Amino acid sequence: MKSGQASIRDIAKALGVSVSTVSRALKNHPDISEETCRKVQEYAQSVHYRPNAMALGLKNQRSMTIGVIVPEIVHHFFSSVISGIEDMAYGNGYRVMICQSNEDYRREVINVQALMDHRVDGLLVSISKTTLDYNHFSDVIQHDIPIVFMDRVCNEISSDRVITNDFEGARLVVTHLLERGCKKIMHLAGPQHLSVGRDRFEGYRQALKEFNIPLDEEYVLRCDTPGKLHARRNQILSLAPKTDAVFAVNDFTAVAAMRLLQDNDYRVPENIRVAGFGDDPVATMVRPALTTVEQRGYDMGKEASRMLINRLTDDKDKNFQTKTYPAFLKVREST
C-alpha cells in the first residue's frame, strides 16, 4: 500500500475489521466503540488516508466544489474577490477551484469545460474582455449548474449577480472634477461591450450633462491598460494642453496617464487633475496619491459565494437577484 493512496478497504484489511466498521469509525458512529474509532482514525492518519472526493460526489450527487473564473488572479481587485469567495465557501464546507482567463475568450471556454469536467456544483465568473459569445455559459445553465456573475456580468444569461454601482462611481468622480472647475475631462474608457466599461462611461457622460457640458467624443479614448495608453501617447499628449483632467476606467491606466503627463512636464494636479477607479493599492503608492473610487472586492466575493451556496442548497427555481454595492469616492492629492 502506497502512502497517500490508502482506501477504506486497505485500512480494513490492515486492522482486520470490516469495511463498514472502518467507514463508520471514521465518522465516529455511535455503534462503533471509542477504542475502535481511535485505532481506525490513528491508522488512517498514519497512512495519509483521504476520502475519495469523486466517490463521495457520485454518492451525494454533489462534489462540494465551486469553480471560479476571473480575468487575472494577480489583479488586486480579483485577488480580494477570491479571498472573500474562499472564506465563505470553506466556512460552508465547500472547496474552491480557481481558473484565470487571462482576458482570453478561448481560455475562458476551456476553463468552463475543465470545471464542468471536474463536476463543480456551481460557477462564480467575471467574464474576460474578449468574450462576445456566451454559448459556453448557456451550456453550463443547460446542465443545471448555477452561475453567479461578479463585477463583469453577462446580461444575456439569466443569473444571480454581484456588482459595484459603476455608473454612480463614475458620476461621483467626474462631478468631483467638475466642481473643481474642470471642463475638458478626458475619459480613458474600457470596452463598451463590458458592463463595467459601459456603465463608467455613462456615469462620465451623466456628470457632464448635469453641468451642461456637451460630450466631446474627441476626449473619449478607448484605452484601458498602460500598454494601450503607451500606444496612444501622442494622441493623449496632443490633447493635454486643452485638458483640465483625466478620468481613467481603472487605477493602473490612471497611474500610467499620470506618469506620461509628468514625464512631459505637466504637474498633477496643478496643470491636469487625474482620477481612476478601483482603489488599488497602487493608488496610494504613487505621488501624488490618486483620487479614485473604492470597490469592495472582498465583500463582493463573499456575497457571490453566499448567493451561489444558497442557490445550491435552497430552491433553485427562486428568482434571480442582483446585489449592488455602493461606490465611494476617495479624494486624494491627484485632484
Protein backbone atom coordinates (compact mmCIF):
# COMPACT_ATOMS: atom_id res chain seq x y z
CA MET A 1 0.00 0.00 0.00
CA LYS A 2 1.48 3.36 -1.09
CA SER A 3 1.35 6.27 1.32
CA GLY A 4 -1.36 8.73 0.35
CA GLN A 5 -3.32 6.16 -1.68
CA ALA A 6 -4.85 4.12 1.12
CA SER A 7 -8.51 3.22 0.74
CA ILE A 8 -11.08 2.19 3.32
CA ARG A 9 -10.63 -1.38 2.10
CA ASP A 10 -6.85 -1.15 2.75
CA ILE A 11 -7.44 0.10 6.29
CA ALA A 12 -9.97 -2.65 6.98
CA LYS A 13 -7.54 -5.33 5.76
CA ALA A 14 -4.65 -3.95 7.84
CA LEU A 15 -6.70 -3.79 11.04
CA GLY A 16 -8.65 -6.99 10.49
CA VAL A 17 -12.09 -5.38 10.58
CA SER A 18 -14.87 -4.97 8.06
CA VAL A 19 -15.06 -2.16 5.52
CA SER A 20 -18.33 -0.96 7.06
CA THR A 21 -16.67 -0.78 10.50
CA VAL A 22 -13.90 1.42 9.12
CA SER A 23 -16.40 3.64 7.31
CA ARG A 24 -18.46 4.18 10.45
CA ALA A 25 -15.42 4.54 12.73
CA LEU A 26 -14.09 7.38 10.56
CA LYS A 27 -17.38 9.19 11.19
CA ASN A 28 -17.44 8.41 14.94
CA HIS A 29 -20.64 6.42 14.51
CA PRO A 30 -22.24 5.59 17.92
CA ASP A 31 -22.45 1.88 17.02
CA ILE A 32 -18.64 1.69 16.97
CA SER A 33 -16.70 1.66 20.24
CA GLU A 34 -14.47 4.57 21.14
CA GLU A 35 -11.44 2.29 21.15
CA THR A 36 -12.12 1.04 17.62
CA CYS A 37 -12.78 4.57 16.39
CA ARG A 38 -9.49 5.70 17.88
CA LYS A 39 -7.50 2.84 16.32
CA VAL A 40 -9.06 3.31 12.90
CA GLN A 41 -8.60 7.07 12.88
CA GLU A 42 -5.00 6.88 14.10
CA TYR A 43 -4.13 4.30 11.46
CA ALA A 44 -5.93 6.28 8.77
CA GLN A 45 -3.92 9.34 9.71
CA SER A 46 -0.64 7.39 9.67
CA VAL A 47 -1.21 6.25 6.08
CA HIS A 48 -2.48 9.71 4.99
CA TYR A 49 -5.94 8.43 4.13
CA ARG A 50 -8.14 10.91 2.31
CA PRO A 51 -11.79 10.35 1.34
CA ASN A 52 -12.32 9.79 -2.37
CA ALA A 53 -13.95 13.06 -3.38
CA MET A 54 -15.19 11.65 -6.69
CA ALA A 55 -16.81 8.67 -4.99
CA LEU A 56 -18.45 10.92 -2.41
CA GLY A 57 -19.68 13.18 -5.17
CA LEU A 58 -21.26 10.27 -7.03
CA LYS A 59 -22.93 9.11 -3.83
CA ASN A 60 -24.24 12.53 -2.81
CA GLN A 61 -24.78 13.90 -6.35
CA ARG A 62 -22.64 16.86 -5.27
CA SER A 63 -18.91 17.48 -5.39
CA MET A 64 -18.95 20.24 -2.73
CA THR A 65 -16.68 22.17 -5.08
CA ILE A 66 -17.18 25.65 -6.50
CA GLY A 67 -15.46 26.75 -9.71
CA VAL A 68 -14.16 30.31 -10.04
CA ILE A 69 -13.11 32.06 -13.26
CA VAL A 70 -11.56 35.54 -13.11
CA PRO A 71 -9.64 37.53 -15.74
CA GLU A 72 -6.45 37.95 -13.69
CA ILE A 73 -5.55 36.48 -10.32
CA VAL A 74 -2.68 38.96 -9.84
CA HIS A 75 -5.06 41.93 -10.07
CA HIS A 76 -5.66 43.27 -6.53
CA PHE A 77 -9.42 43.55 -7.04
CA PHE A 78 -9.80 39.96 -8.22
CA SER A 79 -7.45 38.57 -5.56
CA SER A 80 -9.65 40.34 -2.99
CA VAL A 81 -12.74 38.81 -4.60
CA ILE A 82 -11.15 35.36 -4.39
CA SER A 83 -10.34 35.85 -0.69
CA GLY A 84 -13.99 36.62 0.00
CA ILE A 85 -15.14 33.64 -2.05
CA GLU A 86 -12.83 31.24 -0.23
CA ASP A 87 -13.72 32.45 3.26
CA MET A 88 -17.43 31.93 2.61
CA ALA A 89 -17.01 28.68 0.69
CA TYR A 90 -14.65 26.93 3.08
CA GLY A 91 -16.74 28.10 6.02
CA ASN A 92 -19.65 26.20 4.49
CA GLY A 93 -17.77 23.02 3.67
CA TYR A 94 -17.05 23.76 0.01
CA ARG A 95 -13.73 23.60 -1.80
CA VAL A 96 -12.74 26.11 -4.47
CA MET A 97 -11.12 25.55 -7.87
CA ILE A 98 -9.75 28.78 -9.39
CA CYS A 99 -9.03 29.47 -13.06
CA GLN A 100 -7.97 32.66 -14.82
CA SER A 101 -8.94 33.51 -18.38
CA ASN A 102 -6.09 35.99 -18.83
CA GLU A 103 -8.59 38.15 -20.74
CA ASP A 104 -8.81 35.44 -23.41
CA TYR A 105 -12.21 34.18 -24.59
CA ARG A 106 -10.79 30.85 -25.79
CA ARG A 107 -9.12 30.20 -22.45
CA GLU A 108 -12.36 31.13 -20.68
CA VAL A 109 -14.19 28.47 -22.72
CA ILE A 110 -11.51 25.92 -21.81
CA ASN A 111 -11.77 26.89 -18.14
CA VAL A 112 -15.54 26.40 -18.16
CA GLN A 113 -15.20 22.96 -19.71
CA ALA A 114 -12.44 21.93 -17.31
CA LEU A 115 -14.50 22.92 -14.28
CA MET A 116 -17.53 21.08 -15.63
CA ASP A 117 -15.37 18.01 -16.23
CA HIS A 118 -14.39 18.19 -12.56
CA ARG A 119 -18.08 18.18 -11.63
CA VAL A 120 -18.19 21.51 -9.82
CA ASP A 121 -21.53 22.27 -8.22
CA GLY A 122 -21.61 25.88 -9.44
CA LEU A 123 -19.59 28.65 -11.03
CA LEU A 124 -18.56 32.15 -9.98
CA VAL A 125 -17.49 34.12 -13.04
CA SER A 126 -16.14 37.50 -14.08
CA ILE A 127 -16.00 37.47 -17.88
CA SER A 128 -12.97 38.36 -19.98
CA LYS A 129 -12.62 41.49 -22.10
CA THR A 130 -12.63 39.46 -25.29
CA THR A 131 -15.79 37.47 -24.57
CA LEU A 132 -18.50 38.31 -27.08
CA ASP A 133 -20.13 34.87 -27.38
CA TYR A 134 -21.81 33.33 -24.34
CA ASN A 135 -22.73 29.83 -25.53
CA HIS A 136 -20.31 28.25 -23.06
CA PHE A 137 -22.28 29.79 -20.20
CA SER A 138 -25.59 28.74 -21.75
CA ASP A 139 -24.25 25.19 -21.84
CA VAL A 140 -23.49 25.38 -18.11
CA ILE A 141 -27.04 26.51 -17.34
CA GLN A 142 -28.46 23.72 -19.53
CA HIS A 143 -26.55 21.23 -17.38
CA ASP A 144 -28.37 22.63 -14.34
CA ILE A 145 -25.20 24.17 -12.93
CA PRO A 146 -25.89 27.61 -11.44
CA ILE A 147 -23.70 30.63 -12.21
CA VAL A 148 -23.20 33.84 -10.26
CA PHE A 149 -21.54 36.61 -12.26
CA MET A 150 -19.30 39.09 -10.42
CA ASP A 151 -18.28 42.61 -11.44
CA ARG A 152 -18.18 41.89 -15.19
CA VAL A 153 -21.58 40.36 -15.76
CA CYS A 154 -23.23 38.74 -18.75
CA ASN A 155 -26.62 40.33 -19.40
CA GLU A 156 -27.51 37.67 -21.98
CA ILE A 157 -27.59 34.95 -19.29
CA SER A 158 -30.23 34.97 -16.55
CA SER A 159 -28.37 34.55 -13.28
CA ASP A 160 -27.57 35.97 -9.87
CA ARG A 161 -25.09 38.87 -9.96
CA VAL A 162 -22.85 40.87 -7.67
CA ILE A 163 -21.73 44.27 -8.95
CA THR A 164 -20.46 47.69 -7.96
CA ASN A 165 -22.56 50.73 -8.86
CA ASP A 166 -20.09 51.63 -11.62
CA PHE A 167 -22.38 54.29 -13.08
CA GLU A 168 -22.67 56.16 -9.80
CA GLY A 169 -18.98 55.76 -9.02
CA ALA A 170 -18.00 57.35 -12.32
CA ARG A 171 -20.61 60.09 -11.90
CA LEU A 172 -19.22 60.88 -8.44
CA VAL A 173 -15.61 61.17 -9.52
CA VAL A 174 -16.38 63.25 -12.63
CA THR A 175 -18.68 65.50 -10.60
CA HIS A 176 -15.80 65.97 -8.15
CA LEU A 177 -13.58 67.12 -11.05
CA LEU A 178 -16.27 69.43 -12.43
CA GLU A 179 -16.79 71.02 -9.01
CA ARG A 180 -13.10 71.91 -9.01
CA GLY A 181 -13.53 73.86 -12.21
CA CYS A 182 -12.57 71.25 -14.77
CA LYS A 183 -14.44 71.48 -18.07
CA LYS A 184 -12.37 69.45 -20.52
CA ILE A 185 -12.17 65.99 -18.93
CA MET A 186 -10.53 63.21 -20.90
CA HIS A 187 -12.00 59.76 -20.33
CA LEU A 188 -9.77 56.75 -20.84
CA ALA A 189 -12.57 54.25 -21.36
CA GLY A 190 -12.90 50.49 -21.21
CA PRO A 191 -14.55 48.15 -23.75
CA GLN A 192 -18.18 49.18 -24.17
CA HIS A 193 -19.46 45.62 -24.54
CA LEU A 194 -18.43 45.06 -20.90
CA SER A 195 -20.90 46.29 -18.30
CA VAL A 196 -18.17 47.97 -16.23
CA GLY A 197 -16.77 49.91 -19.17
CA ARG A 198 -20.18 50.95 -20.43
CA ASP A 199 -21.54 51.97 -17.02
CA ARG A 200 -18.45 54.01 -16.14
CA PHE A 201 -18.67 55.83 -19.47
CA GLU A 202 -22.37 56.52 -18.89
CA GLY A 203 -21.58 57.91 -15.42
CA TYR A 204 -18.97 60.19 -17.01
CA ARG A 205 -21.49 61.37 -19.59
CA GLN A 206 -24.21 61.92 -16.98
CA ALA A 207 -21.95 64.12 -14.84
CA LEU A 208 -21.12 66.29 -17.85
CA LYS A 209 -24.83 66.55 -18.66
CA GLU A 210 -25.66 67.68 -15.12
CA PHE A 211 -23.14 70.54 -15.53
CA ASN A 212 -24.46 71.42 -19.00
CA ILE A 213 -21.19 70.44 -20.66
CA PRO A 214 -21.60 68.73 -24.04
CA LEU A 215 -19.86 65.40 -24.59
CA ASP A 216 -16.81 65.76 -26.83
CA GLU A 217 -16.07 62.38 -28.40
CA GLU A 218 -12.51 63.50 -29.12
CA TYR A 219 -11.84 63.32 -25.39
CA VAL A 220 -13.13 59.74 -25.05
CA LEU A 221 -10.34 57.28 -25.85
CA ARG A 222 -10.75 53.50 -25.78
CA CYS A 223 -7.70 52.97 -23.62
CA ASP A 224 -7.93 50.77 -20.51
CA THR A 225 -4.40 49.42 -19.99
CA PRO A 226 -0.95 51.00 -19.62
CA GLY A 227 0.04 49.27 -22.86
CA LYS A 228 -2.83 50.82 -24.81
CA LEU A 229 -2.07 54.18 -23.24
CA HIS A 230 1.51 53.97 -24.43
CA ALA A 231 0.28 53.17 -27.94
CA ARG A 232 -1.86 56.34 -27.89
CA ARG A 233 0.61 58.57 -26.07
CA ASN A 234 0.92 61.02 -28.96
CA GLN A 235 -2.84 61.47 -29.17
CA ILE A 236 -3.08 61.99 -25.40
CA LEU A 237 -0.25 64.49 -25.38
CA SER A 238 -1.77 66.39 -28.30
CA LEU A 239 -4.97 66.83 -26.27
CA ALA A 240 -3.19 67.57 -22.98
CA PRO A 241 -2.76 71.35 -23.49
CA LYS A 242 -6.55 71.75 -23.64
CA THR A 243 -7.30 69.11 -20.97
CA ASP A 244 -8.23 70.00 -17.38
CA ALA A 245 -8.47 66.45 -16.03
CA VAL A 246 -8.19 62.76 -16.89
CA PHE A 247 -10.64 60.14 -15.63
CA ALA A 248 -9.44 56.60 -16.33
CA VAL A 249 -11.62 53.50 -16.18
CA ASN A 250 -9.16 51.86 -13.76
CA ASP A 251 -6.30 52.83 -11.48
CA PHE A 252 -3.49 51.22 -13.50
CA THR A 253 -4.38 53.28 -16.55
CA ALA A 254 -4.78 56.41 -14.42
CA VAL A 255 -1.31 55.95 -12.92
CA ALA A 256 0.18 55.37 -16.37
CA ALA A 257 -1.51 58.56 -17.59
CA MET A 258 -0.14 60.49 -14.62
CA ARG A 259 3.39 59.30 -15.34
CA LEU A 260 3.08 60.16 -19.04
CA LEU A 261 1.96 63.67 -18.17
CA GLN A 262 4.66 64.15 -15.52
CA ASP A 263 7.34 62.91 -17.92
CA ASN A 264 6.22 65.62 -20.32
CA ASP A 265 6.41 68.47 -17.79
CA TYR A 266 2.77 68.54 -16.72
CA ARG A 267 2.23 68.92 -13.00
CA VAL A 268 -0.51 66.90 -11.29
CA PRO A 269 -2.84 68.33 -10.05
CA GLU A 270 -1.69 71.90 -10.79
CA ASN A 271 -1.89 71.56 -14.60
CA ILE A 272 -4.07 68.47 -15.02
CA ARG A 273 -6.00 66.53 -12.41
CA VAL A 274 -6.06 62.71 -12.66
CA ALA A 275 -8.52 60.19 -11.21
CA GLY A 276 -9.05 56.45 -11.53
CA PHE A 277 -11.43 53.71 -10.43
CA GLY A 278 -10.94 50.69 -8.15
CA ASP A 279 -8.82 51.90 -5.20
CA ASP A 280 -5.97 49.52 -5.99
CA PRO A 281 -3.02 49.69 -3.53
CA VAL A 282 -1.02 51.40 -6.28
CA ALA A 283 -3.29 54.44 -5.84
CA THR A 284 -1.61 55.33 -2.54
CA MET A 285 1.91 54.37 -3.64
CA VAL A 286 2.23 56.97 -6.40
CA ARG A 287 2.89 60.66 -5.89
CA PRO A 288 0.64 62.47 -5.80
CA ALA A 289 -1.70 59.84 -4.36
CA LEU A 290 -4.51 59.00 -6.76
CA THR A 291 -8.14 60.04 -6.34
CA THR A 292 -10.26 57.00 -7.14
CA VAL A 293 -13.45 55.06 -6.44
CA GLU A 294 -13.40 52.25 -3.88
CA GLN A 295 -14.52 48.77 -4.88
CA ARG A 296 -15.25 46.28 -2.10
CA GLY A 297 -13.74 43.21 -3.72
CA TYR A 298 -13.63 41.02 -0.61
CA ASP A 299 -17.26 41.74 0.26
CA MET A 300 -18.34 41.16 -3.34
CA GLY A 301 -16.59 37.79 -3.45
CA LYS A 302 -18.08 36.74 -0.12
CA GLU A 303 -21.57 37.75 -1.24
CA ALA A 304 -21.23 35.99 -4.60
CA SER A 305 -20.15 32.82 -2.83
CA ARG A 306 -23.05 33.11 -0.39
CA MET A 307 -25.55 33.58 -3.23
CA LEU A 308 -24.23 30.53 -5.06
CA ILE A 309 -24.32 28.33 -1.95
CA ASN A 310 -27.88 29.46 -1.28
CA ARG A 311 -28.77 28.62 -4.87
CA LEU A 312 -27.27 25.15 -4.39
CA THR A 313 -28.91 24.41 -1.04
CA ASP A 314 -32.26 26.19 -1.38
CA ASP A 315 -34.86 26.27 -4.12
CA LYS A 316 -33.01 26.52 -7.45
CA ASP A 317 -36.11 28.00 -9.06
CA LYS A 318 -36.25 31.12 -6.89
CA ASN A 319 -35.98 34.49 -8.64
CA PHE A 320 -32.53 35.69 -9.59
CA GLN A 321 -31.09 38.53 -7.55
CA THR A 322 -28.58 41.31 -8.17
CA LYS A 323 -26.56 42.64 -5.25
CA THR A 324 -25.21 46.13 -5.97
CA TYR A 325 -22.50 47.59 -3.77
CA PRO A 326 -22.39 51.39 -3.48
CA ALA A 327 -19.42 53.32 -4.81
CA PHE A 328 -17.35 55.54 -2.51
CA LEU A 329 -15.18 58.38 -3.75
CA LYS A 330 -11.64 58.50 -2.29
CA VAL A 331 -10.34 62.05 -2.81
CA ARG A 332 -6.55 62.29 -2.72
CA GLU A 333 -3.80 64.66 -3.84
CA SER A 334 -4.06 63.98 -7.60
CA THR A 335 -7.21 66.12 -7.81
